[in-house]
Protein backbone atom coordinates (compact mmCIF):
# COMPACT_ATOMS: atom_id res chain seq x y z
CA MET A 1 26.62 -60.80 131.38
CA GLN A 2 24.51 -59.06 128.85
CA SER A 3 25.62 -55.83 127.31
CA PRO A 4 23.78 -52.70 128.50
CA SER A 5 21.94 -52.53 125.19
CA HIS A 6 20.27 -55.85 125.93
CA GLN A 7 19.37 -55.44 129.57
CA THR A 8 15.90 -56.62 130.52
CA VAL A 9 13.52 -53.90 131.71
CA PRO A 10 10.51 -54.93 133.80
CA ARG A 11 7.14 -54.54 131.98
CA ALA A 12 5.74 -52.48 134.83
CA ALA A 13 8.54 -49.99 134.40
CA ILE A 14 7.86 -49.80 130.65
CA ALA A 15 4.18 -49.17 131.31
CA ALA A 16 4.89 -46.46 133.85
CA SER A 17 7.40 -44.80 131.55
CA THR A 18 5.00 -44.94 128.60
CA LEU A 19 2.15 -43.43 130.60
CA ARG A 20 4.48 -40.75 131.86
CA HIS A 21 5.47 -39.80 128.30
CA ILE A 22 1.87 -39.91 127.11
CA GLY A 23 0.87 -37.65 129.98
CA ILE A 24 3.63 -35.19 129.15
CA ALA A 25 2.65 -35.22 125.47
CA MET A 26 -1.02 -34.69 126.29
CA GLY A 27 -0.05 -31.85 128.55
CA PHE A 28 1.81 -30.17 125.71
CA VAL A 29 -1.15 -30.69 123.37
CA LEU A 30 -3.61 -29.29 125.92
CA ALA A 31 -1.39 -26.31 126.59
CA ALA A 32 -1.08 -25.65 122.86
CA VAL A 33 -4.84 -25.81 122.40
CA LEU A 34 -5.52 -23.51 125.32
CA SER A 35 -2.93 -21.04 124.11
CA GLN A 36 -4.60 -20.61 120.71
CA PRO A 37 -6.57 -17.41 120.15
CA GLU A 38 -10.29 -17.65 120.74
CA ALA A 39 -11.02 -17.09 117.04
CA ALA A 40 -9.38 -20.42 116.23
CA ALA A 41 -12.12 -22.31 118.06
CA ALA A 42 -15.36 -23.31 116.40
CA GLU A 43 -17.37 -20.11 116.45
CA PRO A 44 -21.03 -20.14 117.43
CA GLY A 45 -23.47 -18.76 114.88
CA LEU A 46 -27.18 -18.22 114.55
CA PRO A 47 -29.39 -21.27 113.99
CA SER A 48 -30.64 -21.90 110.45
CA THR A 49 -34.17 -21.17 111.71
CA ALA A 50 -33.17 -17.49 111.99
CA LEU A 51 -33.25 -17.29 108.18
CA HIS A 52 -36.67 -16.50 106.67
CA VAL A 53 -37.79 -16.18 103.04
CA VAL A 54 -39.48 -12.79 102.55
CA ALA A 55 -39.67 -12.68 98.74
CA SER A 56 -39.19 -15.04 95.80
CA THR A 57 -39.17 -14.88 92.02
CA ASN A 58 -39.02 -17.30 89.11
CA GLU A 59 -38.20 -14.56 86.61
CA ALA A 60 -35.60 -12.10 87.91
CA ILE A 61 -32.10 -12.27 89.37
CA TRP A 62 -32.51 -9.91 92.31
CA ASN A 63 -29.10 -8.71 93.39
CA GLY A 64 -30.23 -5.60 95.27
CA VAL A 65 -32.78 -4.97 98.01
CA ALA A 66 -34.00 -2.01 100.06
CA VAL A 67 -36.63 -1.67 102.78
CA ASP A 68 -38.53 1.50 103.64
CA ASP A 69 -39.90 2.56 107.04
CA ALA A 70 -43.26 0.96 106.26
CA GLY A 71 -41.55 -2.38 105.66
CA ARG A 72 -42.08 -2.35 101.90
CA ILE A 73 -39.41 -4.20 99.94
CA TYR A 74 -37.69 -2.93 96.78
CA VAL A 75 -35.56 -5.12 94.52
CA SER A 76 -33.30 -4.60 91.52
CA THR A 77 -31.71 -6.76 88.85
CA PRO A 78 -29.01 -6.19 86.21
CA ARG A 79 -30.24 -6.77 82.66
CA TRP A 80 -27.11 -8.74 81.67
CA THR A 81 -28.24 -11.64 83.87
CA GLY A 82 -30.80 -12.54 81.21
CA ALA A 83 -33.67 -12.25 83.68
CA HIS A 84 -37.08 -10.77 82.95
CA GLY A 85 -39.19 -8.08 84.58
CA PRO A 86 -38.49 -4.51 85.71
CA SER A 87 -34.97 -3.36 86.57
CA VAL A 88 -36.27 -1.84 89.82
CA ALA A 89 -39.47 -2.98 91.49
CA ARG A 90 -41.49 -2.57 94.65
CA LEU A 91 -43.14 -5.73 95.95
CA ASP A 92 -46.83 -5.55 96.75
CA ALA A 93 -48.52 -7.36 99.64
CA ARG A 94 -48.61 -10.57 97.59
CA GLY A 95 -44.95 -10.31 96.64
CA LYS A 96 -45.64 -9.27 93.05
CA ALA A 97 -43.00 -7.01 91.51
CA GLU A 98 -44.34 -3.64 90.34
CA ALA A 99 -42.12 -1.35 88.27
CA PHE A 100 -40.63 1.42 90.42
CA PRO A 101 -40.74 4.37 90.37
CA ASP A 102 -42.90 3.70 87.29
CA ALA A 103 -43.11 1.76 84.04
CA ARG A 104 -41.46 4.51 82.00
CA TRP A 105 -38.27 4.36 84.03
CA ASN A 106 -38.18 0.60 83.47
CA ALA A 107 -38.98 0.76 79.76
CA GLU A 108 -36.69 -0.88 77.23
CA ASP A 109 -38.24 1.25 74.53
CA ALA A 110 -35.55 3.23 72.70
CA THR A 111 -38.00 6.10 72.25
CA VAL A 112 -37.59 6.94 75.95
CA PRO A 113 -34.46 9.12 76.39
CA LEU A 114 -31.50 7.39 78.06
CA GLY A 115 -31.55 9.90 80.91
CA GLU A 116 -35.13 8.95 81.73
CA ARG A 117 -34.96 5.16 81.78
CA PHE A 118 -32.81 2.47 83.36
CA VAL A 119 -30.25 0.84 81.07
CA ASN A 120 -28.50 -1.50 83.50
CA VAL A 121 -29.09 -1.13 87.24
CA ASN A 122 -26.41 -2.68 89.40
CA ALA A 123 -27.15 -1.41 92.91
CA MET A 124 -29.52 0.46 95.21
CA HIS A 125 -28.88 2.17 98.51
CA ARG A 126 -31.25 3.87 100.92
CA ASP A 127 -29.95 6.99 102.61
CA ALA A 128 -30.79 8.30 106.09
CA ASN A 129 -33.36 10.74 104.71
CA GLY A 130 -35.66 8.26 103.01
CA GLY A 131 -34.06 8.52 99.59
CA LEU A 132 -33.37 5.52 97.38
CA TRP A 133 -30.23 5.89 95.27
CA ILE A 134 -30.25 3.75 92.13
CA VAL A 135 -26.97 3.13 90.31
CA ASP A 136 -27.37 2.77 86.55
CA THR A 137 -24.06 1.64 85.04
CA GLY A 138 -25.16 2.64 81.56
CA VAL A 139 -23.55 -0.52 80.22
CA SER A 140 -25.92 -2.48 78.00
CA GLY A 141 -24.14 -5.83 78.34
CA PHE A 142 -21.65 -7.52 80.65
CA GLY A 143 -18.11 -6.42 79.80
CA GLY A 144 -19.40 -3.87 77.31
CA THR A 145 -18.79 -0.15 77.08
CA VAL A 146 -20.83 2.65 78.60
CA VAL A 147 -23.57 3.90 76.30
CA PRO A 148 -23.03 7.67 75.98
CA GLY A 149 -25.53 9.49 78.17
CA ALA A 150 -26.73 6.33 79.95
CA ALA A 151 -24.63 6.18 83.15
CA LYS A 152 -26.39 7.95 86.00
CA LEU A 153 -27.54 8.05 89.59
CA VAL A 154 -31.25 8.34 90.23
CA ARG A 155 -32.54 9.43 93.63
CA VAL A 156 -36.16 8.57 94.43
CA ASP A 157 -38.10 9.81 97.46
CA LEU A 158 -39.53 6.64 99.00
CA ALA A 159 -42.33 8.55 100.72
CA THR A 160 -43.74 9.85 97.44
CA GLY A 161 -42.24 7.52 94.85
CA ARG A 162 -41.04 10.52 92.86
CA VAL A 163 -37.64 11.00 91.27
CA THR A 164 -36.06 13.97 93.04
CA ARG A 165 -32.84 14.19 91.06
CA VAL A 166 -30.89 12.53 88.29
CA TYR A 167 -27.10 12.82 88.33
CA ALA A 168 -25.71 12.25 84.85
CA LEU A 169 -22.27 10.62 84.99
CA GLY A 170 -20.44 12.11 82.03
CA ALA A 171 -17.56 10.58 80.11
CA ASP A 172 -15.04 12.12 82.52
CA VAL A 173 -16.67 10.24 85.42
CA ALA A 174 -18.07 7.05 83.86
CA ARG A 175 -15.42 6.20 81.30
CA ALA A 176 -15.84 3.96 78.28
CA HIS A 177 -14.95 0.78 80.20
CA SER A 178 -16.38 1.82 83.56
CA TYR A 179 -18.86 -0.26 85.51
CA VAL A 180 -20.09 2.06 88.26
CA ASP A 181 -20.87 -0.54 90.85
CA ASP A 182 -22.19 0.65 94.21
CA ILE A 183 -22.78 3.74 96.33
CA ARG A 184 -22.76 4.98 99.92
CA VAL A 185 -23.96 8.40 101.08
CA ASN A 186 -22.21 10.48 103.73
CA GLY A 187 -23.84 13.85 104.39
CA ARG A 188 -23.58 15.97 101.27
CA HIS A 189 -21.10 13.58 99.67
CA ALA A 190 -21.50 10.19 98.07
CA TYR A 191 -18.87 7.61 97.20
CA LEU A 192 -19.07 5.11 94.37
CA THR A 193 -16.86 2.27 93.21
CA ASP A 194 -15.91 1.57 89.61
CA ALA A 195 -15.52 -2.16 89.04
CA GLY A 196 -14.68 -1.82 85.35
CA ASP A 197 -12.10 0.99 85.19
CA PRO A 198 -10.75 0.76 88.75
CA ALA A 199 -11.33 3.89 90.83
CA VAL A 200 -13.44 5.49 93.53
CA ILE A 201 -15.80 8.29 92.49
CA VAL A 202 -16.58 11.14 94.89
CA LEU A 203 -19.81 13.09 94.32
CA ASP A 204 -20.88 16.44 95.74
CA ILE A 205 -24.61 15.83 96.14
CA ASP A 206 -25.48 19.53 96.15
CA SER A 207 -23.55 20.67 93.09
CA GLY A 208 -23.51 17.39 91.19
CA ARG A 209 -19.77 17.67 90.65
CA ALA A 210 -17.88 14.35 90.68
CA VAL A 211 -14.21 13.41 90.60
CA ARG A 212 -12.37 10.11 90.16
CA VAL A 213 -9.68 9.20 92.71
CA LEU A 214 -7.44 6.19 93.31
CA GLN A 215 -7.43 5.60 89.57
CA ASP A 216 -5.85 2.20 88.85
CA HIS A 217 -4.47 2.23 92.41
CA ARG A 218 -3.54 -1.05 94.08
CA SER A 219 -6.51 -0.58 96.41
CA THR A 220 -9.04 -0.42 93.56
CA ARG A 221 -7.52 -2.88 91.07
CA ALA A 222 -8.28 -6.60 91.47
CA ALA A 223 -5.15 -8.60 92.24
CA GLU A 224 -4.18 -11.23 89.68
CA ASP A 225 -3.35 -13.78 92.37
CA ARG A 226 -6.75 -13.70 94.13
CA ASP A 227 -9.33 -15.85 92.37
CA ILE A 228 -13.06 -15.86 93.11
CA VAL A 229 -13.84 -19.44 94.12
CA VAL A 230 -17.38 -20.76 94.62
CA GLU A 231 -18.25 -24.42 95.18
CA GLY A 232 -14.58 -25.23 94.75
CA GLN A 233 -14.46 -23.77 91.23
CA VAL A 234 -12.81 -20.59 89.99
CA VAL A 235 -15.48 -18.26 88.59
CA ARG A 236 -14.69 -17.45 84.96
CA GLY A 237 -16.05 -14.83 82.62
CA PRO A 238 -17.52 -15.43 79.16
CA ASP A 239 -13.97 -15.36 77.74
CA GLY A 240 -12.94 -18.29 79.94
CA LYS A 241 -10.52 -16.21 81.97
CA ALA A 242 -10.71 -16.03 85.76
CA LEU A 243 -13.19 -13.28 86.62
CA ARG A 244 -11.64 -10.09 87.98
CA VAL A 245 -13.90 -7.46 89.56
CA HIS A 246 -12.20 -4.21 90.50
CA ALA A 247 -13.43 -1.78 93.18
CA ASP A 248 -16.79 -3.15 94.28
CA PRO A 249 -18.01 -3.29 97.93
CA LEU A 250 -17.76 -0.20 100.11
CA GLU A 251 -19.03 1.01 103.48
CA VAL A 252 -18.92 4.23 105.48
CA SER A 253 -18.28 4.02 109.23
CA PRO A 254 -21.21 5.02 111.48
CA ASP A 255 -19.51 8.29 112.41
CA GLY A 256 -18.83 9.10 108.75
CA ARG A 257 -15.08 9.29 109.31
CA TRP A 258 -13.90 6.31 107.26
CA LEU A 259 -14.61 4.80 103.87
CA TYR A 260 -13.86 1.08 103.66
CA PHE A 261 -13.66 -0.50 100.21
CA ALA A 262 -12.15 -3.33 98.18
CA ALA A 263 -12.02 -5.20 94.93
CA LEU A 264 -14.46 -8.11 95.12
CA SER A 265 -11.62 -10.52 95.91
CA GLY A 266 -10.06 -8.29 98.58
CA PRO A 267 -8.09 -7.20 100.51
CA TRP A 268 -9.91 -4.26 102.13
CA TRP A 269 -8.60 -0.71 102.40
CA ARG A 270 -9.70 2.44 104.16
CA ILE A 271 -9.30 6.20 103.80
CA GLU A 272 -10.59 9.09 105.90
CA THR A 273 -13.55 10.65 104.13
CA ARG A 274 -12.23 14.18 104.72
CA TYR A 275 -9.52 13.49 102.16
CA LEU A 276 -12.09 12.26 99.64
CA ASP A 277 -14.35 15.24 100.22
CA ALA A 278 -11.45 17.65 99.73
CA ALA A 279 -10.92 16.33 96.21
CA VAL A 280 -14.40 17.24 95.01
CA ASP A 281 -14.61 20.43 97.09
CA ALA A 282 -11.33 21.82 95.72
CA ALA A 283 -11.66 25.28 94.20
CA THR A 284 -8.86 24.96 91.65
CA ASP A 285 -7.34 22.26 89.48
CA GLY A 286 -4.11 22.55 91.46
CA GLU A 287 -5.89 21.99 94.77
CA ARG A 288 -7.75 19.05 93.29
CA ALA A 289 -4.54 17.45 92.00
CA GLN A 290 -2.97 17.83 95.44
CA ALA A 291 -6.04 16.30 97.11
CA VAL A 292 -5.99 13.33 94.72
CA ALA A 293 -2.30 12.74 95.49
CA THR A 294 -2.98 12.93 99.23
CA ILE A 295 -5.73 10.32 98.91
CA ALA A 296 -3.34 7.89 97.23
CA ALA A 297 -0.79 8.42 100.00
CA GLU A 298 -3.27 8.16 102.89
CA THR A 299 -5.16 5.07 101.71
CA ALA A 300 -4.12 2.14 103.90
CA ARG A 301 -4.75 -1.59 103.95
CA TRP A 302 -7.36 -2.48 106.56
CA ALA A 303 -8.30 -6.18 106.54
CA ASP A 304 -7.57 -9.26 104.46
CA LEU A 305 -11.06 -10.58 103.79
CA PRO A 306 -11.86 -13.33 101.26
CA PRO A 307 -13.91 -12.73 98.09
CA VAL A 308 -17.26 -11.27 99.14
CA GLY A 309 -20.59 -10.97 97.37
CA GLY A 310 -21.84 -8.01 99.37
CA THR A 311 -21.54 -6.13 102.65
CA ALA A 312 -23.48 -4.10 105.20
CA MET A 313 -22.30 -2.14 108.23
CA ASP A 314 -24.34 -1.84 111.42
CA ALA A 315 -24.55 1.06 113.86
CA ALA A 316 -21.77 -0.44 115.99
CA GLY A 317 -19.33 -0.48 113.08
CA ASN A 318 -19.44 -4.24 112.46
CA LEU A 319 -18.93 -5.08 108.79
CA TYR A 320 -21.11 -8.00 107.67
CA TYR A 321 -19.98 -9.80 104.53
CA SER A 322 -20.92 -12.84 102.51
CA ASP A 323 -18.07 -15.34 102.24
CA LEU A 324 -18.59 -16.70 98.72
CA ALA A 325 -16.42 -19.78 99.06
CA HIS A 326 -18.33 -21.12 102.06
CA ASN A 327 -21.96 -19.97 101.61
CA ALA A 328 -21.50 -18.04 104.82
CA LEU A 329 -22.32 -14.73 106.42
CA ARG A 330 -19.58 -13.39 108.67
CA ARG A 331 -18.72 -10.10 110.27
CA ILE A 332 -15.54 -8.31 111.18
CA THR A 333 -15.67 -6.12 114.27
CA PRO A 334 -14.05 -2.68 114.68
CA ASP A 335 -11.18 -4.38 116.53
CA LEU A 336 -10.74 -6.77 113.57
CA ARG A 337 -12.20 -9.93 115.10
CA THR A 338 -13.93 -12.16 112.57
CA GLU A 339 -17.12 -13.94 113.67
CA THR A 340 -19.34 -16.38 111.85
CA ILE A 341 -23.03 -15.44 111.78
CA LEU A 342 -24.41 -18.28 109.70
CA GLU A 343 -23.25 -20.95 107.26
CA ASP A 344 -26.03 -22.34 105.11
CA ALA A 345 -26.24 -23.78 101.59
CA ARG A 346 -29.10 -21.36 100.90
CA LEU A 347 -26.68 -18.44 101.14
CA HIS A 348 -25.16 -19.07 97.73
CA TRP A 349 -23.63 -15.79 96.56
CA VAL A 350 -25.43 -13.35 98.82
CA ASP A 351 -25.23 -9.90 97.23
CA ALA A 352 -25.76 -6.47 98.83
CA PRO A 353 -27.35 -7.23 102.23
CA VAL A 354 -29.13 -4.33 103.98
CA PHE A 355 -30.45 -3.56 107.45
CA ASP A 356 -33.99 -2.36 108.02
CA SER A 357 -35.00 0.16 110.70
CA GLN A 358 -35.45 -2.67 113.21
CA GLY A 359 -31.92 -4.00 112.77
CA ARG A 360 -32.94 -7.05 110.75
CA LEU A 361 -30.69 -8.04 107.87
CA TYR A 362 -32.12 -8.66 104.40
CA LEU A 363 -30.11 -10.91 102.10
CA PRO A 364 -30.73 -11.14 98.34
CA VAL A 365 -29.34 -14.38 96.91
CA PRO A 366 -28.96 -13.94 93.12
CA GLN A 367 -26.60 -16.91 92.61
CA ILE A 368 -24.51 -14.73 90.29
CA ASP A 369 -21.96 -17.42 89.48
CA ARG A 370 -24.75 -19.66 88.17
CA VAL A 371 -26.13 -17.26 85.54
CA ARG A 372 -25.51 -18.25 81.94
CA LEU A 373 -22.71 -15.71 81.41
CA PHE A 374 -20.50 -17.66 83.79
CA GLN A 375 -21.75 -21.13 82.82
CA HIS A 376 -20.87 -21.36 79.12
CA GLY A 377 -24.29 -20.05 78.11
CA ALA A 378 -26.36 -22.56 80.12
CA SER A 379 -27.88 -21.13 83.30
CA ARG A 380 -27.53 -23.20 86.48
CA VAL A 381 -29.67 -20.88 88.60
CA GLN A 382 -31.79 -22.83 91.07
CA TRP A 383 -35.20 -21.19 90.95
CA PRO A 384 -36.83 -19.51 92.68
CA VAL A 385 -34.42 -16.74 93.57
CA HIS A 386 -35.01 -15.64 97.16
CA VAL A 387 -34.59 -12.65 99.41
CA TYR A 388 -34.06 -13.77 103.00
CA ARG A 389 -34.36 -11.92 106.28
CA LEU A 390 -32.07 -12.77 109.16
CA ASP A 391 -33.54 -12.20 112.62
CA GLY A 392 -31.89 -12.25 116.02
CA LEU A 393 -28.60 -10.56 115.22
CA PRO A 394 -26.68 -9.56 118.37
CA SER A 395 -26.42 -5.87 119.12
CA GLY A 396 -23.17 -4.78 120.73
CA ARG A 397 -22.27 -8.34 121.77
CA THR A 398 -19.94 -10.97 120.42
CA MET A 399 -21.44 -14.02 118.77
CA LYS A 400 -20.15 -16.14 121.66
CA GLN A 401 -21.97 -13.97 124.21
CA HIS A 402 -25.07 -14.04 122.05
CA ALA A 403 -24.96 -17.84 121.81
CA SER A 404 -24.60 -18.16 125.58
CA GLU A 405 -27.61 -15.91 126.15
CA ARG A 406 -29.62 -17.85 123.59
CA MET A 407 -28.90 -21.08 125.41
CA GLY A 408 -29.74 -19.52 128.78
CA ARG A 409 -26.26 -19.67 130.21
C-alpha cells in the first residue's frame, strides 16, 4: 500500500481542480479590477486633431499668450531666453509680430526710462474688462537681481492699445532677488506670485498699494525633494543644480472666493481671498501684521499636482494644467478628480494657457527646458515655436461623458 503522500490522483480530477482554482483566481482579479476607482482606468481624452497651430515663430520663445474679443492674438517672451523680437507683440493677419503697445515700450535703448520700457516680461493676463496686464520682473538676466526702478505692472486697454496705468513695484514689493512671476485679477485686487523670493503679493488696484504675504512660507517655497523632470531628465539651472522655482502658477476661482497657487513643482495650496484683501486694505501696521499672520494660518494644502508649466481655470472651476513630465494637458475638477485632456509630443512644456471668449484654449509651447540656459549653453529648441488652440473642450461634463458623446454613444 502506498503512503498517502504518493496516492495516484486521476488526471480528470487534477484538471477539474486546476480549472476551479483558476476560476477562483480570475474571479478575485476581476473583482479587484472592478473595485478600483474610475480614475485608475485609462482615461479618454481629446483626439490629436483637436490641436491646431494658430501662430508660429522662428525667432522668439513665446511663453505667454492673450486673445482679445476680436480674436487678435498677443504674445510675450522673456529676454533671458536669448530670443529676438519684441517682448510683447500683437500678431497681424499674416502672423507677423508687431511691437505692442508700441516700439518704445519694447525698446532696449537705455535712453528710454526704465518705467517706460519692458526690461524682462514674464507673463500677461487679460482681465474681465478688456485690460491686458503685463508683468515686468525688472530682472535683466535669469537668476539676476532686480534692476532698481524696473519691476512693474503695465495695464493696457486692448480696445485702444493705450497704457492706462503703470504700477511701479518698489524695493519693498519686488525685492533684490525677486522674480515677480504671474498675476490674476479679482475685482479691485490683484494677486501675484514671486518665484525668486518666495511670497504672494497682494495689490490694491485703485490705490496702487501692495503687500507681501506668505513670505518664505512652505506654500510658496519650492520643496527640495520635488524635482522638475522633463523627458526623463531633471531640469538643471546654469549652475548645474536642480532647478527650483518658487511660487509660480496661480488661479482665482470663478466666484472670486479662493486663490489657488503653488511652486512650479507643487503641491497646490489655497486661501480665501478675503484674507488676502484684508492685508492690503488694513488701515494700520498692527492690523496689517495681524492679517498677514491670519493668512499664514488659514492657507491650506489643496491638491498634490506634479510639476506644471502653466494653468488656466474655466468658468466651471476646472483647473487645466500642463503635466511637464508627460507632454500632457490635464485638468482637476472642483471635486478633485483628475482627467486627461490630451497627451501629445507637441505639448512640450506648455506655458500659461488661456481661454478665449468662445471657451477655446490657447497653448503657447516655449520648450523652456530646451533653451540654452538649461542646456549648457547650446539651445535644443525645436523651431518653430508654436501657439496651439485646442477645440472641443467639454463644458460641464466629464471627459468620459464627452468621449461617449463624441463617439455617438
